[in-house]
């Protein structure tokens, strides 16, 4: 029964065009779990626009380090969400 309700809700969200937006919010919410405690302590996922994830970074040295990890983080996010939703990450 619960599975049928979940499928029905998913279908309605897709029909309303909200499925992707819901996945974007899910990425923002999952950011700390995706990158781990060490990185999440110095970052904050702010928003997603046109496939770009905007991340606030508290220290410039961390920002530089994260640029090198960008490709791996994008792959991990998309694998976790099971859809290519993030194409780029902007660290600022």
N, C-alpha and C. Protein backbone atom coordinates (compact mmCIF):
# COMPACT_ATOMS: atom_id res chain seq x y z
N UNK A 1 0.82 -1.20 0.00
CA UNK A 1 0.00 0.00 0.00
C UNK A 1 0.86 1.27 0.00
N UNK A 2 1.87 1.30 0.90
CA UNK A 2 2.75 2.47 0.98
C UNK A 2 3.50 2.68 -0.33
N UNK A 3 3.88 1.58 -0.95
CA UNK A 3 4.60 1.66 -2.23
C UNK A 3 3.72 2.28 -3.31
N UNK A 4 2.44 1.90 -3.32
CA UNK A 4 1.50 2.44 -4.30
C UNK A 4 1.30 3.94 -4.08
N UNK A 5 1.23 4.35 -2.83
CA UNK A 5 1.07 5.78 -2.53
C UNK A 5 2.30 6.54 -2.97
N UNK A 6 3.49 5.99 -2.69
CA UNK A 6 4.73 6.63 -3.11
C UNK A 6 4.81 6.77 -4.62
N UNK A 7 4.41 5.74 -5.33
CA UNK A 7 4.41 5.77 -6.79
C UNK A 7 3.41 6.80 -7.30
N UNK A 8 2.23 6.87 -6.67
CA UNK A 8 1.22 7.84 -7.07
C UNK A 8 1.71 9.27 -6.84
N UNK A 9 2.33 9.51 -5.70
CA UNK A 9 2.85 10.85 -5.39
C UNK A 9 3.93 11.23 -6.40
N UNK A 10 4.82 10.30 -6.68
CA UNK A 10 5.88 10.55 -7.66
C UNK A 10 5.30 10.89 -9.02
N UNK A 11 4.27 10.17 -9.42
CA UNK A 11 3.61 10.42 -10.71
C UNK A 11 2.99 11.81 -10.75
N UNK A 12 2.32 12.21 -9.68
CA UNK A 12 1.70 13.54 -9.61
C UNK A 12 2.77 14.62 -9.68
N UNK A 13 3.86 14.45 -8.93
CA UNK A 13 4.94 15.44 -8.95
C UNK A 13 5.53 15.60 -10.34
N UNK A 14 5.73 14.49 -11.03
CA UNK A 14 6.25 14.55 -12.40
C UNK A 14 5.27 15.27 -13.31
N UNK A 15 4.00 14.93 -13.16
CA UNK A 15 2.96 15.56 -13.98
C UNK A 15 2.92 17.07 -13.76
N UNK A 16 3.13 17.50 -12.53
CA UNK A 16 3.13 18.93 -12.22
C UNK A 16 4.46 19.61 -12.53
N UNK A 17 5.45 18.82 -12.93
CA UNK A 17 6.75 19.39 -13.25
C UNK A 17 7.58 19.69 -12.02
N UNK A 18 7.26 19.04 -10.90
CA UNK A 18 7.96 19.32 -9.65
C UNK A 18 8.99 18.25 -9.28
N UNK A 19 9.04 17.18 -10.04
CA UNK A 19 9.95 16.08 -9.73
C UNK A 19 11.39 16.52 -9.65
N UNK A 20 11.85 17.25 -10.64
CA UNK A 20 13.24 17.70 -10.66
C UNK A 20 13.53 18.67 -9.52
N UNK A 21 12.59 19.56 -9.27
CA UNK A 21 12.77 20.55 -8.19
C UNK A 21 12.87 19.85 -6.84
N UNK A 22 12.07 18.81 -6.66
CA UNK A 22 12.11 18.04 -5.43
C UNK A 22 13.47 17.35 -5.28
N UNK A 23 14.00 16.84 -6.38
CA UNK A 23 15.33 16.21 -6.34
C UNK A 23 16.40 17.23 -6.01
N UNK A 24 16.26 18.45 -6.50
CA UNK A 24 17.23 19.50 -6.19
C UNK A 24 17.22 19.80 -4.69
N UNK A 25 16.04 19.89 -4.10
CA UNK A 25 15.96 20.12 -2.66
C UNK A 25 16.55 18.94 -1.89
N UNK A 26 16.38 17.76 -2.42
CA UNK A 26 16.95 16.57 -1.80
C UNK A 26 18.47 16.65 -1.79
N UNK A 27 19.06 17.11 -2.90
CA UNK A 27 20.52 17.27 -2.97
C UNK A 27 20.98 18.27 -1.92
N UNK A 28 20.31 19.40 -1.80
CA UNK A 28 20.68 20.40 -0.81
C UNK A 28 20.62 19.82 0.60
N UNK A 29 19.58 19.06 0.86
CA UNK A 29 19.41 18.46 2.18
C UNK A 29 20.47 17.38 2.46
N UNK A 30 20.86 16.65 1.42
CA UNK A 30 21.80 15.54 1.58
C UNK A 30 23.27 15.97 1.54
N UNK A 31 23.54 17.22 1.23
CA UNK A 31 24.91 17.70 1.08
C UNK A 31 25.84 17.22 2.20
N UNK A 32 25.50 17.40 3.48
CA UNK A 32 26.42 16.95 4.54
C UNK A 32 26.70 15.45 4.49
N UNK A 33 25.71 14.65 4.17
CA UNK A 33 25.92 13.20 4.10
C UNK A 33 26.74 12.82 2.87
N UNK A 34 26.58 13.56 1.79
CA UNK A 34 27.30 13.24 0.56
C UNK A 34 28.80 13.55 0.71
N UNK A 35 29.13 14.72 1.26
CA UNK A 35 30.54 15.13 1.33
C UNK A 35 31.21 14.76 2.64
N UNK A 36 30.44 14.40 3.64
CA UNK A 36 31.02 14.01 4.93
C UNK A 36 31.15 15.19 5.88
N UNK A 37 31.40 14.85 7.13
CA UNK A 37 31.42 15.83 8.21
C UNK A 37 32.53 16.88 8.03
N UNK A 38 33.69 16.44 7.63
CA UNK A 38 34.84 17.37 7.51
C UNK A 38 34.56 18.51 6.53
N UNK A 39 34.05 18.17 5.36
CA UNK A 39 33.75 19.19 4.35
C UNK A 39 32.49 19.97 4.70
N UNK A 40 31.49 19.28 5.24
CA UNK A 40 30.24 19.97 5.55
C UNK A 40 30.40 21.01 6.66
N UNK A 41 31.43 20.87 7.48
CA UNK A 41 31.69 21.87 8.54
C UNK A 41 32.13 23.21 7.96
N UNK A 42 32.71 23.21 6.77
CA UNK A 42 33.23 24.45 6.18
C UNK A 42 32.46 24.88 4.92
N UNK A 43 31.35 24.19 4.65
CA UNK A 43 30.56 24.51 3.45
C UNK A 43 29.08 24.56 3.78
N UNK A 44 28.32 25.17 2.88
CA UNK A 44 26.87 25.18 2.99
C UNK A 44 26.28 25.18 1.58
N UNK A 45 25.46 24.18 1.29
CA UNK A 45 24.78 24.11 0.00
C UNK A 45 23.66 25.15 0.01
N UNK A 46 23.68 26.07 -0.96
CA UNK A 46 22.74 27.18 -0.94
C UNK A 46 21.58 27.02 -1.92
N UNK A 47 21.91 26.70 -3.16
CA UNK A 47 20.85 26.60 -4.18
C UNK A 47 21.36 25.86 -5.40
N UNK A 48 20.41 25.48 -6.24
CA UNK A 48 20.73 24.85 -7.52
C UNK A 48 19.95 25.62 -8.58
N UNK A 49 20.69 26.07 -9.59
CA UNK A 49 20.08 26.76 -10.73
C UNK A 49 20.68 26.22 -12.01
N UNK A 50 19.81 25.78 -12.89
CA UNK A 50 20.22 25.29 -14.22
C UNK A 50 21.35 24.26 -14.14
N UNK A 51 21.23 23.33 -13.20
CA UNK A 51 22.22 22.27 -13.06
C UNK A 51 23.49 22.66 -12.34
N UNK A 52 23.54 23.88 -11.83
CA UNK A 52 24.72 24.35 -11.08
C UNK A 52 24.38 24.41 -9.60
N UNK A 53 25.20 23.75 -8.81
CA UNK A 53 25.05 23.73 -7.36
C UNK A 53 25.96 24.81 -6.78
N UNK A 54 25.38 25.73 -6.03
CA UNK A 54 26.14 26.83 -5.43
C UNK A 54 26.44 26.49 -3.98
N UNK A 55 27.74 26.48 -3.66
CA UNK A 55 28.21 26.11 -2.33
C UNK A 55 28.99 27.27 -1.72
N UNK A 56 28.57 27.69 -0.54
CA UNK A 56 29.31 28.71 0.21
C UNK A 56 30.42 28.00 0.98
N UNK A 57 31.64 28.49 0.87
CA UNK A 57 32.80 27.91 1.54
C UNK A 57 33.37 28.97 2.49
N UNK A 58 33.61 28.58 3.74
CA UNK A 58 34.02 29.56 4.74
C UNK A 58 35.49 29.98 4.65
N UNK A 59 36.33 29.17 4.04
CA UNK A 59 37.76 29.48 3.95
C UNK A 59 38.27 29.32 2.52
N UNK A 60 39.08 30.27 2.08
CA UNK A 60 39.62 30.24 0.72
C UNK A 60 40.45 28.99 0.47
N UNK A 61 41.20 28.55 1.46
CA UNK A 61 42.02 27.35 1.25
C UNK A 61 41.14 26.13 0.99
N UNK A 62 40.03 26.04 1.67
CA UNK A 62 39.09 24.95 1.42
C UNK A 62 38.47 25.07 0.04
N UNK A 63 38.16 26.30 -0.35
CA UNK A 63 37.58 26.52 -1.68
C UNK A 63 38.53 25.99 -2.75
N UNK A 64 39.80 26.29 -2.62
CA UNK A 64 40.79 25.81 -3.59
C UNK A 64 40.85 24.28 -3.61
N UNK A 65 40.81 23.67 -2.44
CA UNK A 65 40.85 22.21 -2.34
C UNK A 65 39.62 21.58 -2.99
N UNK A 66 38.46 22.18 -2.75
CA UNK A 66 37.21 21.63 -3.29
C UNK A 66 37.14 21.72 -4.81
N UNK A 67 37.77 22.71 -5.38
CA UNK A 67 37.80 22.82 -6.84
C UNK A 67 38.44 21.57 -7.44
N UNK A 68 39.48 21.05 -6.78
CA UNK A 68 40.13 19.84 -7.26
C UNK A 68 39.25 18.60 -7.09
N UNK A 69 38.35 18.64 -6.11
CA UNK A 69 37.47 17.51 -5.84
C UNK A 69 36.13 17.60 -6.57
N UNK A 70 35.93 18.69 -7.30
CA UNK A 70 34.63 18.99 -7.91
C UNK A 70 34.07 17.82 -8.73
N UNK A 71 34.86 17.27 -9.62
CA UNK A 71 34.38 16.20 -10.50
C UNK A 71 33.90 15.00 -9.69
N UNK A 72 34.67 14.62 -8.68
CA UNK A 72 34.30 13.48 -7.84
C UNK A 72 33.02 13.76 -7.06
N UNK A 73 32.87 14.98 -6.56
CA UNK A 73 31.68 15.35 -5.80
C UNK A 73 30.44 15.31 -6.70
N UNK A 74 30.57 15.85 -7.90
CA UNK A 74 29.44 15.83 -8.86
C UNK A 74 29.02 14.39 -9.14
N UNK A 75 29.99 13.52 -9.39
CA UNK A 75 29.68 12.11 -9.66
C UNK A 75 28.99 11.47 -8.46
N UNK A 76 29.46 11.77 -7.27
CA UNK A 76 28.89 11.18 -6.06
C UNK A 76 27.45 11.66 -5.85
N UNK A 77 27.20 12.95 -6.08
CA UNK A 77 25.84 13.49 -5.95
C UNK A 77 24.90 12.80 -6.93
N UNK A 78 25.29 12.77 -8.19
CA UNK A 78 24.43 12.19 -9.22
C UNK A 78 24.21 10.69 -9.00
N UNK A 79 25.22 10.02 -8.51
CA UNK A 79 25.07 8.59 -8.21
C UNK A 79 24.11 8.40 -7.04
N UNK A 80 24.22 9.25 -6.03
CA UNK A 80 23.35 9.16 -4.85
C UNK A 80 21.90 9.41 -5.23
N UNK A 81 21.67 10.40 -6.08
CA UNK A 81 20.31 10.79 -6.46
C UNK A 81 19.79 9.92 -7.62
N UNK A 82 20.70 9.17 -8.24
CA UNK A 82 20.38 8.26 -9.35
C UNK A 82 19.87 9.00 -10.57
N UNK A 83 20.40 10.19 -10.78
CA UNK A 83 20.03 10.99 -11.94
C UNK A 83 21.09 12.09 -12.11
N UNK A 84 21.38 12.42 -13.36
CA UNK A 84 22.36 13.48 -13.61
C UNK A 84 21.68 14.84 -13.43
N UNK A 85 21.65 15.28 -12.20
CA UNK A 85 20.96 16.53 -11.88
C UNK A 85 21.96 17.69 -11.74
N UNK A 86 23.18 17.38 -11.30
CA UNK A 86 24.22 18.41 -11.12
C UNK A 86 25.24 18.30 -12.23
N UNK A 87 25.45 19.41 -12.92
CA UNK A 87 26.44 19.44 -14.01
C UNK A 87 27.70 20.21 -13.61
N UNK A 88 27.56 21.11 -12.63
CA UNK A 88 28.69 21.92 -12.20
C UNK A 88 28.47 22.36 -10.75
N UNK A 89 29.55 22.68 -10.07
CA UNK A 89 29.48 23.22 -8.72
C UNK A 89 30.24 24.53 -8.71
N UNK A 90 29.61 25.55 -8.15
CA UNK A 90 30.24 26.85 -8.00
C UNK A 90 30.55 27.04 -6.52
N UNK A 91 31.83 27.09 -6.20
CA UNK A 91 32.26 27.33 -4.82
C UNK A 91 32.53 28.82 -4.66
N UNK A 92 31.91 29.42 -3.66
CA UNK A 92 32.15 30.86 -3.43
C UNK A 92 32.22 31.14 -1.95
